[in-house]
N, C-alpha and C. Protein backbone atom coordinates (compact mmCIF):
# COMPACT_ATOMS: atom_id res chain seq x y z
N MET A 1 -56.26 106.16 -59.73
CA MET A 1 -56.97 107.01 -58.80
C MET A 1 -58.11 106.22 -58.14
N TYR A 2 -58.83 105.44 -58.95
CA TYR A 2 -59.93 104.64 -58.40
C TYR A 2 -59.44 103.72 -57.29
N ALA A 3 -58.35 103.01 -57.56
CA ALA A 3 -57.83 102.06 -56.57
C ALA A 3 -57.45 102.78 -55.29
N GLN A 4 -56.87 103.95 -55.43
CA GLN A 4 -56.47 104.71 -54.25
C GLN A 4 -57.68 105.20 -53.46
N LEU A 5 -58.68 105.73 -54.16
CA LEU A 5 -59.88 106.22 -53.48
C LEU A 5 -60.63 105.09 -52.79
N ALA A 6 -60.77 103.96 -53.48
CA ALA A 6 -61.48 102.82 -52.89
C ALA A 6 -60.73 102.28 -51.67
N THR A 7 -59.42 102.21 -51.75
CA THR A 7 -58.62 101.72 -50.63
C THR A 7 -58.68 102.70 -49.46
N ARG A 8 -58.55 103.98 -49.77
CA ARG A 8 -58.62 105.01 -48.72
C ARG A 8 -59.96 104.93 -47.98
N SER A 9 -61.03 104.78 -48.74
CA SER A 9 -62.37 104.70 -48.15
C SER A 9 -62.52 103.46 -47.26
N ALA A 10 -62.07 102.32 -47.76
CA ALA A 10 -62.16 101.08 -46.98
C ALA A 10 -61.29 101.16 -45.72
N TYR A 11 -60.13 101.77 -45.83
CA TYR A 11 -59.23 101.94 -44.69
C TYR A 11 -59.88 102.84 -43.63
N LYS A 12 -60.44 103.95 -44.09
CA LYS A 12 -61.08 104.90 -43.18
C LYS A 12 -62.25 104.26 -42.44
N ASP A 13 -62.97 103.36 -43.13
CA ASP A 13 -64.12 102.68 -42.54
C ASP A 13 -63.72 101.48 -41.69
N GLY A 14 -62.42 101.21 -41.57
CA GLY A 14 -61.94 100.10 -40.75
C GLY A 14 -62.08 98.74 -41.40
N LEU A 15 -62.23 98.69 -42.72
CA LEU A 15 -62.43 97.43 -43.42
C LEU A 15 -61.13 96.81 -43.93
N VAL A 16 -60.03 97.53 -43.78
CA VAL A 16 -58.75 97.10 -44.33
C VAL A 16 -57.72 96.99 -43.22
N GLY A 17 -57.05 95.84 -43.15
CA GLY A 17 -55.98 95.68 -42.19
C GLY A 17 -54.66 96.20 -42.75
N ASN A 18 -54.30 95.74 -43.94
CA ASN A 18 -53.05 96.15 -44.57
C ASN A 18 -53.36 96.99 -45.80
N TRP A 19 -53.11 98.28 -45.70
CA TRP A 19 -53.42 99.23 -46.77
C TRP A 19 -52.76 98.83 -48.08
N PHE A 20 -51.47 98.53 -48.02
CA PHE A 20 -50.69 98.24 -49.23
C PHE A 20 -51.20 97.00 -49.95
N ASP A 21 -51.48 95.93 -49.21
CA ASP A 21 -51.99 94.70 -49.84
C ASP A 21 -53.35 94.92 -50.48
N TYR A 22 -54.22 95.62 -49.79
CA TYR A 22 -55.56 95.90 -50.33
C TYR A 22 -55.45 96.73 -51.61
N TYR A 23 -54.58 97.72 -51.59
CA TYR A 23 -54.37 98.58 -52.75
C TYR A 23 -53.85 97.77 -53.94
N LYS A 24 -52.88 96.88 -53.72
CA LYS A 24 -52.36 96.04 -54.80
C LYS A 24 -53.45 95.14 -55.36
N ASN A 25 -54.34 94.63 -54.49
CA ASN A 25 -55.45 93.81 -54.98
C ASN A 25 -56.40 94.62 -55.85
N LYS A 26 -56.66 95.87 -55.47
CA LYS A 26 -57.50 96.75 -56.29
C LYS A 26 -56.85 96.98 -57.65
N LEU A 27 -55.55 97.18 -57.66
CA LEU A 27 -54.84 97.36 -58.93
C LEU A 27 -54.94 96.11 -59.80
N ARG A 28 -54.84 94.93 -59.19
CA ARG A 28 -54.99 93.68 -59.94
C ARG A 28 -56.36 93.59 -60.57
N TYR A 29 -57.38 94.03 -59.84
CA TYR A 29 -58.75 94.04 -60.37
C TYR A 29 -58.84 94.91 -61.62
N LEU A 30 -58.06 95.99 -61.65
CA LEU A 30 -58.08 96.90 -62.79
C LEU A 30 -57.20 96.44 -63.95
N GLY A 31 -56.50 95.34 -63.78
CA GLY A 31 -55.69 94.80 -64.87
C GLY A 31 -54.19 94.89 -64.67
N TRP A 32 -53.76 95.39 -63.50
CA TRP A 32 -52.33 95.44 -63.24
C TRP A 32 -51.84 94.04 -62.90
N ASP A 33 -50.64 93.70 -63.34
CA ASP A 33 -50.04 92.40 -63.03
C ASP A 33 -49.63 92.37 -61.56
N SER A 34 -49.24 91.19 -61.11
CA SER A 34 -48.78 91.05 -59.73
C SER A 34 -47.61 91.97 -59.46
N ALA A 35 -47.55 92.41 -58.22
CA ALA A 35 -46.49 93.33 -57.81
C ALA A 35 -45.19 92.59 -57.57
N ARG A 36 -44.09 93.20 -57.96
CA ARG A 36 -42.76 92.69 -57.69
C ARG A 36 -42.19 93.54 -56.55
N PRO A 37 -42.05 92.96 -55.34
CA PRO A 37 -41.59 93.76 -54.19
C PRO A 37 -40.20 94.35 -54.42
N VAL A 38 -39.98 95.51 -53.84
CA VAL A 38 -38.70 96.21 -53.89
C VAL A 38 -38.36 96.61 -52.46
N SER A 39 -37.12 96.43 -52.06
CA SER A 39 -36.70 96.81 -50.71
C SER A 39 -36.66 98.32 -50.59
N ALA A 40 -37.31 98.83 -49.54
CA ALA A 40 -37.39 100.28 -49.35
C ALA A 40 -36.17 100.86 -48.64
N GLY A 41 -35.47 100.09 -47.88
CA GLY A 41 -34.34 100.64 -47.13
C GLY A 41 -34.83 101.54 -46.00
N ARG A 42 -33.90 102.08 -45.24
CA ARG A 42 -34.25 102.93 -44.11
C ARG A 42 -34.70 104.31 -44.58
N ALA A 43 -35.65 104.88 -43.82
CA ALA A 43 -36.19 106.20 -44.18
C ALA A 43 -35.18 107.31 -43.96
N GLY A 44 -34.34 107.18 -42.96
CA GLY A 44 -33.36 108.23 -42.69
C GLY A 44 -33.98 109.43 -42.00
N GLN A 45 -33.21 110.50 -41.89
CA GLN A 45 -33.67 111.70 -41.20
C GLN A 45 -33.71 112.86 -42.17
N GLY A 46 -34.08 114.03 -41.64
CA GLY A 46 -34.21 115.21 -42.48
C GLY A 46 -35.66 115.42 -42.87
N LEU A 47 -35.88 116.28 -43.84
CA LEU A 47 -37.25 116.52 -44.30
C LEU A 47 -37.84 115.24 -44.86
N MET A 48 -39.12 114.99 -44.58
CA MET A 48 -39.75 113.77 -45.06
C MET A 48 -39.65 113.68 -46.58
N VAL A 49 -39.86 114.78 -47.28
CA VAL A 49 -39.81 114.77 -48.74
C VAL A 49 -38.44 114.32 -49.24
N ASP A 50 -37.37 114.73 -48.58
CA ASP A 50 -36.02 114.33 -48.98
C ASP A 50 -35.78 112.86 -48.70
N SER A 51 -36.30 112.38 -47.58
CA SER A 51 -36.17 110.97 -47.23
C SER A 51 -36.88 110.09 -48.26
N VAL A 52 -38.09 110.49 -48.64
CA VAL A 52 -38.86 109.75 -49.65
C VAL A 52 -38.09 109.73 -50.97
N SER A 53 -37.57 110.87 -51.37
CA SER A 53 -36.80 110.96 -52.62
C SER A 53 -35.58 110.05 -52.58
N ARG A 54 -34.87 110.02 -51.45
CA ARG A 54 -33.70 109.15 -51.32
C ARG A 54 -34.08 107.68 -51.43
N GLN A 55 -35.17 107.29 -50.75
CA GLN A 55 -35.59 105.89 -50.80
C GLN A 55 -35.96 105.49 -52.23
N ILE A 56 -36.70 106.33 -52.92
CA ILE A 56 -37.09 106.02 -54.29
C ILE A 56 -35.86 105.96 -55.19
N SER A 57 -34.95 106.89 -55.02
CA SER A 57 -33.74 106.93 -55.83
C SER A 57 -32.88 105.68 -55.63
N ARG A 58 -32.76 105.22 -54.38
CA ARG A 58 -31.95 104.03 -54.09
C ARG A 58 -32.61 102.74 -54.55
N SER A 59 -33.94 102.71 -54.55
CA SER A 59 -34.65 101.45 -54.78
C SER A 59 -35.16 101.25 -56.20
N PHE A 60 -35.48 102.34 -56.90
CA PHE A 60 -35.98 102.24 -58.27
C PHE A 60 -34.94 102.81 -59.22
N ASP A 61 -35.11 102.58 -60.51
CA ASP A 61 -34.15 103.16 -61.45
C ASP A 61 -34.44 104.63 -61.72
N GLU A 62 -33.58 105.25 -62.48
CA GLU A 62 -33.61 106.70 -62.73
C GLU A 62 -34.94 107.17 -63.32
N ARG A 63 -35.57 106.36 -64.16
CA ARG A 63 -36.85 106.77 -64.77
C ARG A 63 -37.89 107.09 -63.70
N PHE A 64 -38.00 106.25 -62.71
CA PHE A 64 -38.96 106.46 -61.63
C PHE A 64 -38.51 107.59 -60.70
N SER A 65 -37.24 107.61 -60.38
CA SER A 65 -36.69 108.60 -59.46
C SER A 65 -36.90 110.02 -59.98
N ARG A 66 -36.62 110.24 -61.24
CA ARG A 66 -36.76 111.58 -61.84
C ARG A 66 -38.21 112.04 -61.79
N GLN A 67 -39.15 111.16 -62.14
CA GLN A 67 -40.57 111.53 -62.11
C GLN A 67 -41.05 111.81 -60.70
N ALA A 68 -40.63 111.00 -59.74
CA ALA A 68 -41.04 111.21 -58.35
C ALA A 68 -40.52 112.54 -57.83
N SER A 69 -39.27 112.86 -58.14
CA SER A 69 -38.70 114.14 -57.70
C SER A 69 -39.43 115.32 -58.31
N GLN A 70 -39.81 115.20 -59.58
CA GLN A 70 -40.57 116.27 -60.23
C GLN A 70 -41.93 116.46 -59.57
N ALA A 71 -42.61 115.36 -59.25
CA ALA A 71 -43.93 115.44 -58.62
C ALA A 71 -43.83 116.08 -57.23
N LEU A 72 -42.84 115.67 -56.46
CA LEU A 72 -42.66 116.24 -55.12
C LEU A 72 -42.27 117.72 -55.20
N GLY A 73 -41.48 118.08 -56.19
CA GLY A 73 -41.13 119.48 -56.41
C GLY A 73 -42.35 120.32 -56.76
N THR A 74 -43.26 119.74 -57.52
CA THR A 74 -44.49 120.44 -57.87
C THR A 74 -45.33 120.70 -56.63
N LEU A 75 -45.39 119.74 -55.73
CA LEU A 75 -46.11 119.96 -54.47
C LEU A 75 -45.48 121.10 -53.67
N ARG A 76 -44.17 121.16 -53.66
CA ARG A 76 -43.46 122.22 -52.93
C ARG A 76 -43.83 123.60 -53.48
N ARG A 77 -44.01 123.70 -54.79
CA ARG A 77 -44.30 124.99 -55.43
C ARG A 77 -45.79 125.34 -55.47
N ASN A 78 -46.66 124.40 -55.10
CA ASN A 78 -48.10 124.65 -55.17
C ASN A 78 -48.71 124.44 -53.78
N PRO A 79 -48.84 125.50 -52.99
CA PRO A 79 -49.34 125.38 -51.61
C PRO A 79 -50.75 124.78 -51.53
N ASP A 80 -51.60 125.08 -52.49
CA ASP A 80 -52.96 124.53 -52.46
C ASP A 80 -52.95 123.02 -52.66
N ALA A 81 -52.17 122.55 -53.62
CA ALA A 81 -52.06 121.10 -53.86
C ALA A 81 -51.42 120.41 -52.66
N LEU A 82 -50.40 121.04 -52.09
CA LEU A 82 -49.73 120.47 -50.91
C LEU A 82 -50.71 120.35 -49.74
N GLU A 83 -51.52 121.37 -49.54
CA GLU A 83 -52.50 121.35 -48.44
C GLU A 83 -53.49 120.21 -48.62
N VAL A 84 -53.99 120.01 -49.83
CA VAL A 84 -54.94 118.91 -50.09
C VAL A 84 -54.24 117.57 -49.90
N PHE A 85 -53.02 117.43 -50.41
CA PHE A 85 -52.26 116.19 -50.28
C PHE A 85 -52.07 115.84 -48.80
N GLU A 86 -51.64 116.80 -48.00
CA GLU A 86 -51.37 116.52 -46.59
C GLU A 86 -52.66 116.29 -45.81
N ARG A 87 -53.69 117.04 -46.11
CA ARG A 87 -54.97 116.87 -45.40
C ARG A 87 -55.56 115.49 -45.66
N THR A 88 -55.52 115.04 -46.91
CA THR A 88 -56.11 113.74 -47.22
C THR A 88 -55.20 112.58 -46.81
N SER A 89 -53.94 112.87 -46.50
CA SER A 89 -53.01 111.82 -46.08
C SER A 89 -53.05 111.55 -44.59
N LEU A 90 -53.63 112.45 -43.81
CA LEU A 90 -53.64 112.32 -42.35
C LEU A 90 -55.00 111.87 -41.84
N LEU A 91 -54.98 110.97 -40.88
CA LEU A 91 -56.19 110.50 -40.21
C LEU A 91 -55.84 110.36 -38.73
N ARG A 92 -56.25 111.37 -37.94
CA ARG A 92 -55.90 111.47 -36.52
C ARG A 92 -54.38 111.45 -36.33
N ASP A 93 -53.85 110.45 -35.64
CA ASP A 93 -52.41 110.41 -35.38
C ASP A 93 -51.66 109.53 -36.37
N ARG A 94 -52.28 109.24 -37.49
CA ARG A 94 -51.66 108.39 -38.51
C ARG A 94 -51.66 109.10 -39.86
N GLY A 95 -50.69 108.74 -40.65
CA GLY A 95 -50.63 109.27 -42.00
C GLY A 95 -50.27 108.17 -42.97
N PHE A 96 -50.70 108.31 -44.19
CA PHE A 96 -50.30 107.39 -45.24
C PHE A 96 -50.43 108.09 -46.57
N PHE A 97 -49.48 107.80 -47.44
CA PHE A 97 -49.52 108.37 -48.78
C PHE A 97 -48.70 107.50 -49.73
N GLN A 98 -48.88 107.77 -51.01
CA GLN A 98 -48.17 107.05 -52.04
C GLN A 98 -47.50 108.05 -52.99
N VAL A 99 -46.39 107.63 -53.53
CA VAL A 99 -45.75 108.31 -54.65
C VAL A 99 -45.71 107.24 -55.74
N ILE A 100 -46.29 107.56 -56.90
CA ILE A 100 -46.50 106.53 -57.92
C ILE A 100 -46.00 107.01 -59.28
N PRO A 101 -44.69 107.01 -59.49
CA PRO A 101 -44.18 107.37 -60.81
C PRO A 101 -44.45 106.26 -61.83
N CYS A 102 -44.79 106.64 -63.04
CA CYS A 102 -45.10 105.68 -64.11
C CYS A 102 -44.14 105.87 -65.28
N THR A 103 -43.90 104.78 -66.00
CA THR A 103 -43.05 104.85 -67.18
C THR A 103 -43.48 103.77 -68.18
N SER A 104 -43.26 104.03 -69.44
CA SER A 104 -43.59 103.06 -70.48
C SER A 104 -42.53 101.95 -70.47
N LYS A 105 -42.99 100.70 -70.48
CA LYS A 105 -42.06 99.57 -70.47
C LYS A 105 -41.83 99.09 -71.90
N SER A 106 -42.91 98.86 -72.62
CA SER A 106 -42.86 98.43 -74.01
C SER A 106 -44.22 98.72 -74.63
N SER A 107 -44.39 98.38 -75.86
CA SER A 107 -45.67 98.63 -76.52
C SER A 107 -46.79 97.90 -75.78
N GLY A 108 -47.78 98.66 -75.32
CA GLY A 108 -48.92 98.07 -74.63
C GLY A 108 -48.67 97.75 -73.16
N ARG A 109 -47.53 98.16 -72.61
CA ARG A 109 -47.21 97.86 -71.21
C ARG A 109 -46.67 99.11 -70.51
N ILE A 110 -47.21 99.36 -69.32
CA ILE A 110 -46.79 100.50 -68.50
C ILE A 110 -46.31 99.95 -67.16
N GLU A 111 -45.26 100.53 -66.64
CA GLU A 111 -44.74 100.13 -65.33
C GLU A 111 -44.91 101.27 -64.35
N ILE A 112 -45.30 100.92 -63.11
CA ILE A 112 -45.33 101.93 -62.06
C ILE A 112 -44.41 101.49 -60.93
N GLY A 113 -43.77 102.49 -60.35
CA GLY A 113 -43.01 102.27 -59.13
C GLY A 113 -43.90 102.72 -57.99
N LEU A 114 -44.38 101.81 -57.21
CA LEU A 114 -45.33 102.12 -56.14
C LEU A 114 -44.59 102.27 -54.81
N TYR A 115 -44.61 103.48 -54.28
CA TYR A 115 -44.00 103.77 -52.97
C TYR A 115 -45.14 104.09 -52.02
N HIS A 116 -45.23 103.35 -50.93
CA HIS A 116 -46.29 103.56 -49.93
C HIS A 116 -45.63 103.80 -48.58
N LYS A 117 -46.07 104.85 -47.90
CA LYS A 117 -45.54 105.17 -46.56
C LYS A 117 -46.71 105.31 -45.60
N GLN A 118 -46.63 104.59 -44.48
CA GLN A 118 -47.57 104.74 -43.37
C GLN A 118 -46.75 105.19 -42.17
N PHE A 119 -47.31 106.11 -41.39
CA PHE A 119 -46.57 106.58 -40.23
C PHE A 119 -47.52 107.00 -39.11
N ARG A 120 -46.98 106.98 -37.91
CA ARG A 120 -47.69 107.46 -36.72
C ARG A 120 -46.99 108.74 -36.29
N THR A 121 -47.79 109.77 -36.00
CA THR A 121 -47.21 111.06 -35.64
C THR A 121 -46.97 111.15 -34.13
N ARG A 122 -46.03 111.98 -33.74
CA ARG A 122 -45.72 112.22 -32.33
C ARG A 122 -46.81 113.03 -31.65
N ARG A 123 -47.49 113.87 -32.44
CA ARG A 123 -48.55 114.74 -31.93
C ARG A 123 -49.48 115.02 -33.11
N THR A 124 -50.57 115.69 -32.85
CA THR A 124 -51.48 116.06 -33.93
C THR A 124 -50.80 117.09 -34.82
N VAL A 125 -50.76 116.82 -36.11
CA VAL A 125 -50.13 117.73 -37.07
C VAL A 125 -51.06 117.93 -38.26
N SER A 126 -50.86 119.02 -38.96
CA SER A 126 -51.59 119.24 -40.20
C SER A 126 -50.63 119.29 -41.39
N ARG A 127 -49.34 119.36 -41.10
CA ARG A 127 -48.30 119.38 -42.13
C ARG A 127 -47.24 118.35 -41.79
N PHE A 128 -46.64 117.74 -42.82
CA PHE A 128 -45.60 116.76 -42.54
C PHE A 128 -44.56 116.63 -43.65
N LEU A 129 -44.91 116.83 -44.89
CA LEU A 129 -44.03 116.50 -46.00
C LEU A 129 -42.74 117.32 -46.01
N PHE A 130 -42.82 118.57 -45.62
CA PHE A 130 -41.65 119.44 -45.62
C PHE A 130 -41.20 119.80 -44.20
N TRP A 131 -41.42 118.87 -43.28
CA TRP A 131 -40.96 118.99 -41.89
C TRP A 131 -39.94 117.89 -41.63
N PRO A 132 -39.02 118.11 -40.69
CA PRO A 132 -38.07 117.05 -40.34
C PRO A 132 -38.81 115.83 -39.78
N ILE A 133 -38.47 114.67 -40.29
CA ILE A 133 -39.11 113.42 -39.85
C ILE A 133 -39.03 113.28 -38.34
N GLU A 134 -37.87 113.57 -37.78
CA GLU A 134 -37.68 113.35 -36.35
C GLU A 134 -38.59 114.24 -35.50
N ASP A 135 -39.09 115.34 -36.04
CA ASP A 135 -40.02 116.22 -35.31
C ASP A 135 -41.46 115.75 -35.40
N VAL A 136 -41.80 115.00 -36.42
CA VAL A 136 -43.19 114.66 -36.70
C VAL A 136 -43.50 113.18 -36.50
N VAL A 137 -42.61 112.31 -36.93
CA VAL A 137 -42.91 110.89 -37.03
C VAL A 137 -42.41 110.12 -35.81
N GLU A 138 -43.32 109.35 -35.22
CA GLU A 138 -42.96 108.46 -34.12
C GLU A 138 -42.45 107.13 -34.67
N SER A 139 -43.17 106.59 -35.66
CA SER A 139 -42.77 105.35 -36.31
C SER A 139 -43.30 105.36 -37.74
N SER A 140 -42.62 104.62 -38.62
CA SER A 140 -43.08 104.58 -40.00
C SER A 140 -42.77 103.23 -40.63
N GLN A 141 -43.51 102.95 -41.68
CA GLN A 141 -43.30 101.73 -42.45
C GLN A 141 -43.43 102.11 -43.92
N GLU A 142 -42.45 101.71 -44.71
CA GLU A 142 -42.47 101.97 -46.13
C GLU A 142 -42.50 100.65 -46.88
N GLU A 143 -43.30 100.60 -47.93
CA GLU A 143 -43.36 99.43 -48.79
C GLU A 143 -43.26 99.90 -50.22
N MET A 144 -42.60 99.09 -51.05
CA MET A 144 -42.41 99.46 -52.44
C MET A 144 -42.60 98.25 -53.33
N ALA A 145 -43.05 98.51 -54.55
CA ALA A 145 -43.21 97.45 -55.53
C ALA A 145 -43.19 98.05 -56.92
N VAL A 146 -42.86 97.22 -57.89
CA VAL A 146 -42.98 97.59 -59.30
C VAL A 146 -44.11 96.74 -59.87
N ILE A 147 -45.05 97.41 -60.53
CA ILE A 147 -46.22 96.73 -61.08
C ILE A 147 -46.32 97.08 -62.56
N THR A 148 -46.66 96.07 -63.37
CA THR A 148 -46.81 96.28 -64.81
C THR A 148 -48.28 96.22 -65.19
N PHE A 149 -48.69 97.10 -66.09
CA PHE A 149 -50.07 97.18 -66.57
C PHE A 149 -50.08 96.90 -68.06
N SER A 150 -50.93 95.97 -68.48
CA SER A 150 -51.09 95.65 -69.89
C SER A 150 -52.33 96.36 -70.42
N THR A 151 -52.13 97.33 -71.29
CA THR A 151 -53.28 98.05 -71.85
C THR A 151 -54.11 97.13 -72.74
N LEU A 152 -53.50 96.12 -73.34
CA LEU A 152 -54.23 95.18 -74.19
C LEU A 152 -55.17 94.31 -73.35
N HIS A 153 -54.67 93.81 -72.22
CA HIS A 153 -55.50 92.99 -71.32
C HIS A 153 -56.64 93.82 -70.75
N TYR A 154 -56.35 95.05 -70.38
CA TYR A 154 -57.36 95.94 -69.81
C TYR A 154 -58.51 96.18 -70.78
N ALA A 155 -58.23 96.24 -72.06
CA ALA A 155 -59.27 96.51 -73.06
C ALA A 155 -60.38 95.46 -73.04
N THR A 156 -60.09 94.25 -72.57
CA THR A 156 -61.10 93.19 -72.58
C THR A 156 -62.20 93.40 -71.54
N PHE A 157 -61.94 94.16 -70.49
CA PHE A 157 -62.99 94.40 -69.49
C PHE A 157 -63.07 95.86 -69.09
N ARG A 158 -62.77 96.74 -70.01
CA ARG A 158 -62.75 98.19 -69.78
C ARG A 158 -64.09 98.72 -69.28
N GLU A 159 -65.20 98.30 -69.88
CA GLU A 159 -66.52 98.85 -69.50
C GLU A 159 -66.86 98.56 -68.05
N LYS A 160 -66.60 97.34 -67.59
CA LYS A 160 -66.89 96.97 -66.21
C LYS A 160 -66.06 97.83 -65.24
N VAL A 161 -64.80 97.99 -65.55
CA VAL A 161 -63.92 98.79 -64.70
C VAL A 161 -64.34 100.26 -64.74
N ALA A 162 -64.68 100.76 -65.92
CA ALA A 162 -65.10 102.17 -66.05
C ALA A 162 -66.32 102.45 -65.18
N ALA A 163 -67.29 101.53 -65.16
CA ALA A 163 -68.49 101.72 -64.33
C ALA A 163 -68.12 101.76 -62.84
N ALA A 164 -67.23 100.87 -62.41
CA ALA A 164 -66.80 100.84 -61.01
C ALA A 164 -66.02 102.11 -60.66
N VAL A 165 -65.18 102.55 -61.56
CA VAL A 165 -64.40 103.77 -61.33
C VAL A 165 -65.32 104.97 -61.21
N MET A 166 -66.28 105.10 -62.11
CA MET A 166 -67.22 106.23 -62.07
C MET A 166 -68.02 106.23 -60.77
N SER A 167 -68.49 105.07 -60.35
CA SER A 167 -69.27 104.96 -59.12
C SER A 167 -68.45 105.42 -57.92
N GLU A 168 -67.22 104.95 -57.80
CA GLU A 168 -66.36 105.32 -56.67
C GLU A 168 -65.98 106.79 -56.73
N THR A 169 -65.72 107.30 -57.92
CA THR A 169 -65.35 108.71 -58.07
C THR A 169 -66.50 109.62 -57.67
N VAL A 170 -67.71 109.30 -58.12
CA VAL A 170 -68.88 110.11 -57.75
C VAL A 170 -69.09 110.08 -56.24
N ARG A 171 -68.95 108.90 -55.64
CA ARG A 171 -69.10 108.77 -54.19
C ARG A 171 -68.06 109.63 -53.48
N HIS A 172 -66.83 109.61 -53.99
CA HIS A 172 -65.76 110.41 -53.39
C HIS A 172 -66.04 111.91 -53.55
N LEU A 173 -66.50 112.32 -54.69
CA LEU A 173 -66.80 113.74 -54.92
C LEU A 173 -67.90 114.24 -53.99
N HIS A 174 -68.91 113.40 -53.76
CA HIS A 174 -69.98 113.79 -52.84
C HIS A 174 -69.48 113.92 -51.40
N ALA A 175 -68.44 113.18 -51.07
CA ALA A 175 -67.90 113.21 -49.70
C ALA A 175 -66.90 114.35 -49.47
N LEU A 176 -66.47 115.01 -50.54
CA LEU A 176 -65.49 116.09 -50.39
C LEU A 176 -66.07 117.26 -49.60
N GLU A 177 -65.23 117.82 -48.75
CA GLU A 177 -65.62 119.02 -48.00
C GLU A 177 -65.22 120.23 -48.83
N LEU A 178 -66.18 121.07 -49.13
CA LEU A 178 -65.88 122.27 -49.93
C LEU A 178 -65.82 123.49 -49.05
C-alpha cells in the first residue's frame, strides 16, 4: 500500500514519467526482489473488468488468476468500494490502476502478480471498470510482472521501512476528501 500511495502521489505531482517503473523501484526499496516481466497480451473488448481478468488468466498461473477474479468480484458487489477504487484511479482524462494478487511461494517468500493498466479516456468519466472498453478507453497500456518478497530480508530493515510507511500513510490520510 505504501509503494502505491507514494507512487500515486509522485505521479499526481508530475514527478514520475513511468508509473510502473517507479512503483517497482518503491517495491525494491521495501525488500521486494527484481521484477520478472510477463507479457500482458492484448486487452480485447467487452467490459474492462472482464478484459483485465482474461489478461491475468492468460499471463499468470491459476493461483494469481483466482485471487484477482475474487477481488474484482468483491468490487462488483460493493458499490462503495468500487466508487473509491474508480475515483482514485482517474485523473482528468487518464486512468491507472493495479490488480495485485499475492501467493505464498515457499517458507519466507511471497510472490505477487503485478498487473498495471494505464489508459486515456474518450471523454470525462467517473466509472470505467464495469463499462465496455470501447465506450470509455481511447488507448491503453498494460504491464505485468511477477515479484518475489523475502520476509527474512525485510526483517533486517523493518523499522526504517515502517517509519517511511507511517509517514506516507499519515500524509495520504490528511489528503483524503471526506
